[in-house]
C-alpha cells in the first residue's frame, strides 16, 4: 500500500479527525471509487495511468474521516495554449449533501492546482444537474465553464431490465436493424489485445471522414486501451460468448462485427464499477449498410449484465430538437435503444488567476459557438 499523508493542518485533523492524502495504490483507490453507484471509468485508477503514459502530471487525492475514505478526486494537468489547468472529469466523488465535505474538497483542488501552476481547475462532477446542484456549485465559488469537460448529456440504459423489456423499449427502426444484422450472418468477436487498436484506428479514419470530426491518434487510442487492459488478460480475439469465462477482470475490450472475415464495425467498451461505457465506436460504409453496430451493443449489454454491471451508458447525446448539431444523427441512433436521458452538472471552473483566465474564457466561448458543440 502506498498512501502518503499531506501537510494538512494537524490541529484540524485532531479536531475533526479528517486527513487529506495522496493515493497511489490502485486497490485502495478503486476499492472506494468502483463501489460508488454514480461512478464510471472517468475517476478510475487506470484512466490516470493512461494520462501518465501521455507524459502528463496527475493528482489523486482522498479525504479520510475516522480512518475511512469518504471523498476523492483524480485530475490531470492539461497544458493547453488557452491556459494550463487541472481537469477533474467525473469528479470529485463524494456525498454532495455534505456541504462541509464539498467545501473541503474544493479547497484542496484549489491548493493542488495552485501548487501545479495552473490558471484554473475545471470540474465536471458526477451528479445530476438541478437547481440545487447548480446553486451548490455557485456557493462553492465555481463558475460555469465556457467549454464542456467530458460528457454532460448522456443516454443510459438500466441493465436490471430483462432482454424482453429492453427490446420493447427500442424504437421499431432499431429492432428492424437488429433483425437485418442477424439475417446478414454477422458474427461478433471480442478482443483485449492492444495491437487490435490499429484496425480500429483505420476504420475510425473512414468514420471521421464521413461524419466530419477529428480522429483520435492511433498512439492516443493504444495507450488508453492498454491502460485499461489487465496483464492477466488472455483473450486475443475470441467469440464473445467466451468473454465471461476467460476475462473476469479486464476493463477494456473491443467488440468487433465481421462478415466473411471483413470488419464492419467496432466498439471500444470500458467496464468499470457500476457502468459499461460505450467509449468510442467506428463503422465502415458496408457496416452501416449491413447494420453491424446495433448487434455490438446488444452483445455488450449481455456481457455487462453477466459481470453484474447495472448501467449501460451510450455516452454523449444532443437534444432531440438540435437537428443542426453534427452529432444529431448518432444521438438518434442511441435514442433508438430507448435510453433514459441523464444531464450531469455541467463543467465548472475554479478560477485561480483571474486575468489569465479571461483569455481562456474568451477563446473557449468563441470556439464553442464556431464548432456548435
Protein backbone atom coordinates (compact mmCIF):
# COMPACT_ATOMS: atom_id res chain seq x y z
CA UNK A 1 0.00 0.00 0.00
CA UNK A 2 1.23 3.43 -0.95
CA UNK A 3 -0.59 6.21 0.89
CA UNK A 4 1.28 9.39 1.68
CA UNK A 5 -0.12 11.97 4.06
CA UNK A 6 -0.24 15.62 3.04
CA UNK A 7 0.75 18.55 5.22
CA UNK A 8 -2.83 19.23 6.20
CA UNK A 9 -3.26 21.18 9.45
CA UNK A 10 -2.54 18.89 12.40
CA UNK A 11 -4.91 20.89 14.60
CA UNK A 12 -7.75 20.48 12.12
CA UNK A 13 -7.04 16.76 11.76
CA UNK A 14 -7.38 16.26 15.51
CA UNK A 15 -10.47 18.41 15.98
CA UNK A 16 -12.35 16.95 13.02
CA UNK A 17 -10.50 13.64 12.72
CA UNK A 18 -10.04 14.37 9.00
CA UNK A 19 -6.99 13.74 6.83
CA UNK A 20 -6.26 14.67 3.21
CA UNK A 21 -3.96 12.23 1.44
CA UNK A 22 -2.35 11.33 -1.85
CA UNK A 23 -3.26 7.84 -3.04
CA UNK A 24 -1.03 5.82 -5.33
CA UNK A 25 -2.37 2.35 -4.58
CA UNK A 26 -4.81 1.03 -7.19
CA UNK A 27 -6.57 -1.36 -4.82
CA UNK A 28 -7.28 1.35 -2.28
CA UNK A 29 -8.40 3.87 -4.90
CA UNK A 30 -10.69 1.59 -6.88
CA UNK A 31 -11.91 -0.02 -3.67
CA UNK A 32 -13.67 3.26 -2.91
CA UNK A 33 -14.46 4.65 -6.37
CA UNK A 34 -15.79 1.48 -8.03
CA UNK A 35 -18.28 0.91 -5.21
CA UNK A 36 -19.98 4.25 -5.70
CA UNK A 37 -23.12 3.80 -7.83
CA UNK A 38 -22.71 7.03 -9.81
CA UNK A 39 -19.14 6.48 -10.99
CA UNK A 40 -17.68 5.31 -14.27
CA UNK A 41 -14.12 4.99 -15.56
CA UNK A 42 -13.51 8.76 -15.56
CA UNK A 43 -12.34 8.56 -11.96
CA UNK A 44 -10.82 5.08 -12.16
CA UNK A 45 -7.19 4.48 -11.28
CA UNK A 46 -6.33 3.19 -14.75
CA UNK A 47 -7.64 6.27 -16.56
CA UNK A 48 -4.95 8.33 -14.87
CA UNK A 49 -2.30 5.73 -15.63
CA UNK A 50 -3.23 6.47 -19.26
CA UNK A 51 -2.66 10.18 -18.69
CA UNK A 52 0.70 9.42 -17.07
CA UNK A 53 1.61 7.38 -20.16
CA UNK A 54 0.95 10.57 -22.16
CA UNK A 55 3.61 12.28 -20.05
CA UNK A 56 1.12 14.39 -18.04
CA UNK A 57 1.04 15.12 -14.33
CA UNK A 58 -1.83 13.57 -12.40
CA UNK A 59 -3.32 14.13 -8.96
CA UNK A 60 -5.14 11.51 -6.90
CA UNK A 61 -6.42 12.89 -3.61
CA UNK A 62 -8.73 11.49 -0.96
CA UNK A 63 -10.34 12.60 2.28
CA UNK A 64 -10.26 10.19 5.20
CA UNK A 65 -12.65 10.56 8.11
CA UNK A 66 -12.16 8.33 11.12
CA UNK A 67 -9.69 6.32 9.05
CA UNK A 68 -12.13 5.69 6.17
CA UNK A 69 -12.11 7.32 2.73
CA UNK A 70 -15.24 9.46 2.32
CA UNK A 71 -14.33 11.50 -0.76
CA UNK A 72 -11.77 11.60 -3.54
CA UNK A 73 -10.90 13.18 -6.85
CA UNK A 74 -8.41 12.50 -9.62
CA UNK A 75 -7.24 15.15 -12.04
CA UNK A 76 -4.79 15.66 -14.88
CA UNK A 77 -2.79 18.79 -15.67
CA UNK A 78 -3.56 19.92 -19.23
CA UNK A 79 -1.00 22.22 -20.87
CA UNK A 80 -3.39 24.00 -23.24
CA UNK A 81 -2.46 27.22 -25.05
CA UNK A 82 -5.61 28.79 -23.67
CA UNK A 83 -4.36 28.17 -20.13
CA UNK A 84 -2.71 25.45 -18.06
CA UNK A 85 -5.37 23.83 -15.92
CA UNK A 86 -6.24 20.88 -13.71
CA UNK A 87 -9.06 18.84 -15.26
CA UNK A 88 -11.23 16.76 -12.91
CA UNK A 89 -13.65 14.82 -15.14
CA UNK A 90 -16.43 12.84 -13.45
CA UNK A 91 -15.41 14.05 -10.01
CA UNK A 92 -14.99 14.75 -7.21
CA UNK A 93 -16.64 11.63 -5.80
CA UNK A 94 -18.42 12.45 -2.56
CA UNK A 95 -21.77 12.89 -0.84
CA UNK A 96 -22.85 16.27 -2.22
CA UNK A 97 -25.35 16.67 0.60
CA UNK A 98 -22.36 17.11 2.93
CA UNK A 99 -21.57 20.75 2.16
CA UNK A 100 -18.65 20.93 4.58
CA UNK A 101 -17.03 17.96 2.88
CA UNK A 102 -17.64 19.51 -0.54
CA UNK A 103 -16.03 22.78 0.60
CA UNK A 104 -13.03 20.90 1.96
CA UNK A 105 -12.52 19.04 -1.34
CA UNK A 106 -12.90 22.17 -3.49
CA UNK A 107 -10.41 23.96 -1.23
CA UNK A 108 -7.95 21.12 -1.74
CA UNK A 109 -8.46 21.21 -5.52
CA UNK A 110 -7.60 24.92 -5.46
CA UNK A 111 -4.47 24.26 -3.41
CA UNK A 112 -3.28 21.44 -5.67
CA UNK A 113 -3.96 23.43 -8.86
CA UNK A 114 -2.13 26.44 -7.42
CA UNK A 115 0.82 24.28 -6.45
CA UNK A 116 0.98 22.91 -10.01
CA UNK A 117 0.98 26.40 -11.55
CA UNK A 118 -2.50 26.17 -13.10
CA UNK A 119 -4.59 29.14 -14.20
CA UNK A 120 -7.78 27.35 -13.19
CA UNK A 121 -9.24 23.96 -12.32
CA UNK A 122 -12.09 22.56 -14.39
CA UNK A 123 -14.53 20.24 -12.62
CA UNK A 124 -17.41 18.18 -14.03
CA UNK A 125 -18.99 16.41 -11.05
CA UNK A 126 -20.69 13.03 -11.40
CA UNK A 127 -24.06 14.30 -10.19
CA UNK A 128 -27.24 15.31 -11.98
CA UNK A 129 -27.93 18.91 -12.93
CA UNK A 130 -30.65 20.60 -10.91
CA UNK A 131 -31.34 23.99 -9.37
CA UNK A 132 -29.97 22.64 -6.11
CA UNK A 133 -26.66 21.36 -7.54
CA UNK A 134 -26.18 24.49 -9.66
CA UNK A 135 -26.67 26.64 -6.55
CA UNK A 136 -24.23 24.47 -4.60
CA UNK A 137 -21.62 24.96 -7.33
CA UNK A 138 -22.04 28.74 -7.07
CA UNK A 139 -21.85 28.60 -3.27
CA UNK A 140 -18.56 26.69 -3.59
CA UNK A 141 -17.09 29.51 -5.68
CA UNK A 142 -17.33 27.69 -9.00
CA UNK A 143 -18.05 29.45 -12.30
CA UNK A 144 -19.87 27.72 -15.18
CA UNK A 145 -17.21 26.81 -17.75
CA UNK A 146 -17.40 28.12 -21.32
CA UNK A 147 -16.47 24.66 -22.68
CA UNK A 148 -17.53 21.16 -21.65
CA UNK A 149 -15.32 18.62 -19.88
CA UNK A 150 -16.37 15.11 -20.85
CA UNK A 151 -19.99 14.14 -21.40
CA UNK A 152 -22.66 16.39 -19.88
CA UNK A 153 -25.75 14.90 -21.53
CA UNK A 154 -25.80 11.10 -21.70
CA UNK A 155 -28.09 8.31 -22.82
CA UNK A 156 -28.18 5.39 -20.36
CA UNK A 157 -29.98 2.07 -20.06
CA UNK A 158 -30.96 0.22 -16.90
CA UNK A 159 -29.50 -3.29 -17.19
CA UNK A 160 -31.80 -4.53 -14.45
CA UNK A 161 -34.37 -4.81 -17.23
CA UNK A 162 -34.89 -8.16 -18.93
CA UNK A 163 -33.98 -8.75 -22.57
CA UNK A 164 -37.68 -8.57 -23.39
CA UNK A 165 -38.07 -5.23 -21.61
CA UNK A 166 -35.01 -3.80 -23.36
CA UNK A 167 -36.29 -4.91 -26.77
CA UNK A 168 -39.74 -3.48 -26.05
CA UNK A 169 -38.15 -0.11 -25.23
CA UNK A 170 -36.30 0.09 -28.54
CA UNK A 171 -37.65 2.05 -31.46
CA UNK A 172 -39.08 -0.01 -34.29
CA UNK A 173 -36.39 1.13 -36.70
CA UNK A 174 -33.66 -0.24 -34.43
CA UNK A 175 -35.46 -3.56 -33.96
CA UNK A 176 -35.56 -3.87 -37.74
CA UNK A 177 -31.82 -3.11 -37.90
CA UNK A 178 -31.10 -5.87 -35.38
CA UNK A 179 -33.12 -8.38 -37.39
CA UNK A 180 -31.35 -7.24 -40.54
CA UNK A 181 -27.94 -7.66 -38.91
CA UNK A 182 -28.79 -11.17 -37.74
CA UNK A 183 -30.03 -12.19 -41.21
CA UNK A 184 -26.83 -10.88 -42.78
CA UNK A 185 -24.84 -13.53 -40.92
CA UNK A 186 -22.74 -11.06 -38.95
CA UNK A 187 -20.50 -12.56 -36.27
CA UNK A 188 -19.19 -10.78 -33.18
CA UNK A 189 -15.77 -11.16 -31.64
CA UNK A 190 -14.15 -9.53 -28.64
CA UNK A 191 -10.53 -8.51 -28.22
CA UNK A 192 -8.42 -7.34 -25.31
CA UNK A 193 -5.26 -7.10 -27.38
CA UNK A 194 -3.96 -3.50 -27.74
CA UNK A 195 -2.50 -4.43 -31.13
CA UNK A 196 -6.04 -4.61 -32.50
CA UNK A 197 -6.39 -0.86 -31.98
CA UNK A 198 -4.57 -0.48 -35.31
CA UNK A 199 -7.58 -1.84 -37.23
CA UNK A 200 -9.92 0.22 -35.06
CA UNK A 201 -7.95 3.34 -35.91
CA UNK A 202 -8.05 2.65 -39.65
CA UNK A 203 -11.85 2.37 -39.61
CA UNK A 204 -12.05 5.46 -37.38
CA UNK A 205 -10.37 7.46 -40.16
CA UNK A 206 -13.17 6.39 -42.52
CA UNK A 207 -15.84 7.22 -39.94
CA UNK A 208 -14.32 10.63 -39.21
CA UNK A 209 -14.27 11.49 -42.90
CA UNK A 210 -17.93 10.55 -43.36
CA UNK A 211 -19.16 12.37 -40.25
CA UNK A 212 -16.72 15.32 -40.32
CA UNK A 213 -14.93 15.04 -36.98
CA UNK A 214 -11.30 14.89 -35.90
CA UNK A 215 -10.00 11.36 -35.38
CA UNK A 216 -8.00 10.47 -32.29
CA UNK A 217 -4.42 9.45 -32.93
CA UNK A 218 -3.51 5.78 -33.00
CA UNK A 219 -0.95 6.23 -30.21
CA UNK A 220 -3.56 8.02 -28.05
CA UNK A 221 -6.08 5.18 -28.52
CA UNK A 222 -3.50 2.45 -27.98
CA UNK A 223 -2.22 3.97 -24.74
CA UNK A 224 -5.76 4.40 -23.45
CA UNK A 225 -6.74 0.83 -24.28
CA UNK A 226 -3.51 -0.54 -22.81
CA UNK A 227 -4.06 1.32 -19.54
CA UNK A 228 -7.38 -0.44 -19.03
CA UNK A 229 -6.22 -3.87 -20.17
CA UNK A 230 -5.04 -6.19 -17.40
CA UNK A 231 -1.76 -8.04 -17.53
CA UNK A 232 -3.57 -11.32 -16.88
CA UNK A 233 -5.95 -10.92 -19.84
CA UNK A 234 -5.64 -13.99 -22.03
CA UNK A 235 -8.09 -13.18 -24.82
CA UNK A 236 -6.60 -12.00 -28.08
CA UNK A 237 -9.68 -12.38 -30.24
CA UNK A 238 -12.43 -14.82 -29.42
CA UNK A 239 -16.18 -15.30 -29.92
CA UNK A 240 -17.96 -13.02 -27.47
CA UNK A 241 -19.73 -15.85 -25.64
CA UNK A 242 -16.38 -16.85 -24.11
CA UNK A 243 -15.88 -13.45 -22.51
CA UNK A 244 -17.30 -14.08 -19.05
CA UNK A 245 -15.38 -17.35 -18.73
CA UNK A 246 -12.00 -16.13 -19.95
CA UNK A 247 -11.92 -12.48 -18.90
CA UNK A 248 -13.35 -11.91 -15.42
CA UNK A 249 -11.09 -8.94 -14.59
CA UNK A 250 -10.30 -6.78 -17.63
CA UNK A 251 -11.92 -3.39 -18.06
CA UNK A 252 -11.34 -2.56 -21.74
CA UNK A 253 -12.36 -4.58 -24.77
CA UNK A 254 -13.07 -4.17 -28.43
CA UNK A 255 -16.32 -5.61 -29.79
CA UNK A 256 -15.88 -6.44 -33.47
CA UNK A 257 -18.65 -7.13 -36.01
CA UNK A 258 -17.49 -9.13 -39.03
CA UNK A 259 -18.93 -10.68 -42.16
CA UNK A 260 -16.95 -13.13 -44.28
CA UNK A 261 -13.79 -12.06 -42.46
CA UNK A 262 -14.27 -8.33 -43.12
CA UNK A 263 -14.61 -5.94 -40.19
CA UNK A 264 -17.84 -3.94 -40.39
CA UNK A 265 -17.90 -2.07 -37.07
CA UNK A 266 -16.10 -1.91 -33.74
CA UNK A 267 -16.95 -0.59 -30.29
CA UNK A 268 -14.34 0.39 -27.69
CA UNK A 269 -16.03 -0.51 -24.41
CA UNK A 270 -14.89 0.09 -20.84
CA UNK A 271 -16.46 -1.90 -17.98
CA UNK A 272 -15.86 -0.25 -14.62
CA UNK A 273 -17.76 -0.32 -11.36
CA UNK A 274 -21.47 0.01 -11.99
CA UNK A 275 -21.24 1.15 -15.61
CA UNK A 276 -20.44 -0.27 -19.04
CA UNK A 277 -19.37 2.71 -21.15
CA UNK A 278 -19.59 2.90 -24.92
CA UNK A 279 -16.45 4.96 -25.23
CA UNK A 280 -15.84 5.05 -28.99
CA UNK A 281 -17.49 3.44 -31.98
CA UNK A 282 -16.47 3.14 -35.63
CA UNK A 283 -18.01 1.55 -38.73
CA UNK A 284 -17.23 1.10 -42.40
CA UNK A 285 -19.68 2.08 -45.13
CA UNK A 286 -20.52 -1.60 -45.60
CA UNK A 287 -21.01 -1.96 -41.85
CA UNK A 288 -23.57 0.85 -41.90
CA UNK A 289 -25.45 -0.80 -44.77
CA UNK A 290 -25.48 -4.23 -43.10
CA UNK A 291 -26.40 -2.93 -39.61
CA UNK A 292 -23.37 -4.28 -37.77
CA UNK A 293 -23.22 -1.72 -34.95
CA UNK A 294 -26.55 -2.50 -33.17
CA UNK A 295 -25.52 -6.13 -32.66
CA UNK A 296 -22.34 -5.00 -30.90
CA UNK A 297 -24.35 -3.08 -28.31
CA UNK A 298 -26.77 -5.92 -27.63
CA UNK A 299 -23.87 -8.33 -27.03
CA UNK A 300 -22.01 -5.84 -24.81
CA UNK A 301 -25.16 -5.37 -22.72
CA UNK A 302 -25.45 -9.11 -22.17
CA UNK A 303 -21.79 -9.36 -21.18
CA UNK A 304 -22.06 -6.37 -18.83
CA UNK A 305 -25.07 -7.91 -17.12
CA UNK A 306 -23.13 -11.19 -16.72
CA UNK A 307 -20.47 -9.20 -14.83
CA UNK A 308 -23.10 -7.71 -12.51
CA UNK A 309 -23.00 -4.24 -14.07
CA UNK A 310 -26.26 -2.31 -13.69
CA UNK A 311 -25.96 0.57 -16.16
CA UNK A 312 -25.07 0.83 -19.85
CA UNK A 313 -24.02 4.28 -20.99
CA UNK A 314 -24.07 5.32 -24.63
CA UNK A 315 -22.29 8.50 -23.57
CA UNK A 316 -22.97 11.79 -25.28
CA UNK A 317 -26.23 12.74 -26.92
CA UNK A 318 -27.58 16.10 -28.04
CA UNK A 319 -31.08 17.49 -27.60
CA UNK A 320 -33.68 15.85 -29.82
CA UNK A 321 -34.61 19.19 -31.40
CA UNK A 322 -30.97 20.18 -32.06
CA UNK A 323 -31.14 18.93 -35.65
CA UNK A 324 -28.21 21.04 -36.86
CA UNK A 325 -25.72 19.56 -34.39
CA UNK A 326 -23.04 17.44 -36.05
CA UNK A 327 -23.78 14.58 -33.65
CA UNK A 328 -27.55 14.68 -34.11
CA UNK A 329 -27.58 11.54 -36.28
CA UNK A 330 -25.56 9.40 -33.88
CA UNK A 331 -27.67 10.72 -30.99
CA UNK A 332 -30.81 9.50 -32.73
CA UNK A 333 -29.18 6.10 -33.19
CA UNK A 334 -28.50 5.93 -29.44
CA UNK A 335 -32.04 7.04 -28.60
CA UNK A 336 -33.28 4.16 -30.69
CA UNK A 337 -32.31 1.83 -27.84
CA UNK A 338 -34.82 3.52 -25.55
CA UNK A 339 -32.27 5.30 -23.39
CA UNK A 340 -33.02 7.37 -20.33
CA UNK A 341 -31.58 10.86 -20.73
CA UNK A 342 -29.23 11.96 -17.95
CA UNK A 343 -27.98 15.53 -17.63
CA UNK A 344 -24.91 15.89 -15.45
CA UNK A 345 -23.98 19.09 -13.68
CA UNK A 346 -22.05 20.92 -16.44
CA UNK A 347 -18.37 21.71 -16.19
CA UNK A 348 -17.47 24.47 -13.76
CA UNK A 349 -14.21 26.36 -13.31
CA UNK A 350 -12.39 27.23 -10.14
CA UNK A 351 -10.55 30.38 -11.16
CA UNK A 352 -7.09 30.86 -9.67
CA UNK A 353 -5.56 33.63 -11.81
CA UNK A 354 -8.37 35.93 -12.96
CA UNK A 355 -6.54 37.92 -15.66
CA UNK A 356 -5.03 34.83 -17.33
CA UNK A 357 -8.39 33.04 -17.09
CA UNK A 358 -10.08 35.84 -19.05
CA UNK A 359 -8.07 34.76 -22.12
CA UNK A 360 -9.34 31.19 -21.66
CA UNK A 361 -12.94 32.33 -21.30
CA UNK A 362 -12.85 34.42 -24.50
CA UNK A 363 -11.15 31.73 -26.63
CA UNK A 364 -13.40 28.91 -25.47
CA UNK A 365 -16.61 30.92 -25.75
CA UNK A 366 -15.79 31.71 -29.38
CA UNK A 367 -14.69 28.16 -30.09
CA UNK A 368 -17.89 26.65 -28.76
CA UNK A 369 -20.00 28.96 -30.94
CA UNK A 370 -17.92 28.27 -34.05
CA UNK A 371 -17.91 24.49 -33.58
CA UNK A 372 -21.51 24.39 -32.38
CA UNK A 373 -20.72 21.94 -29.58
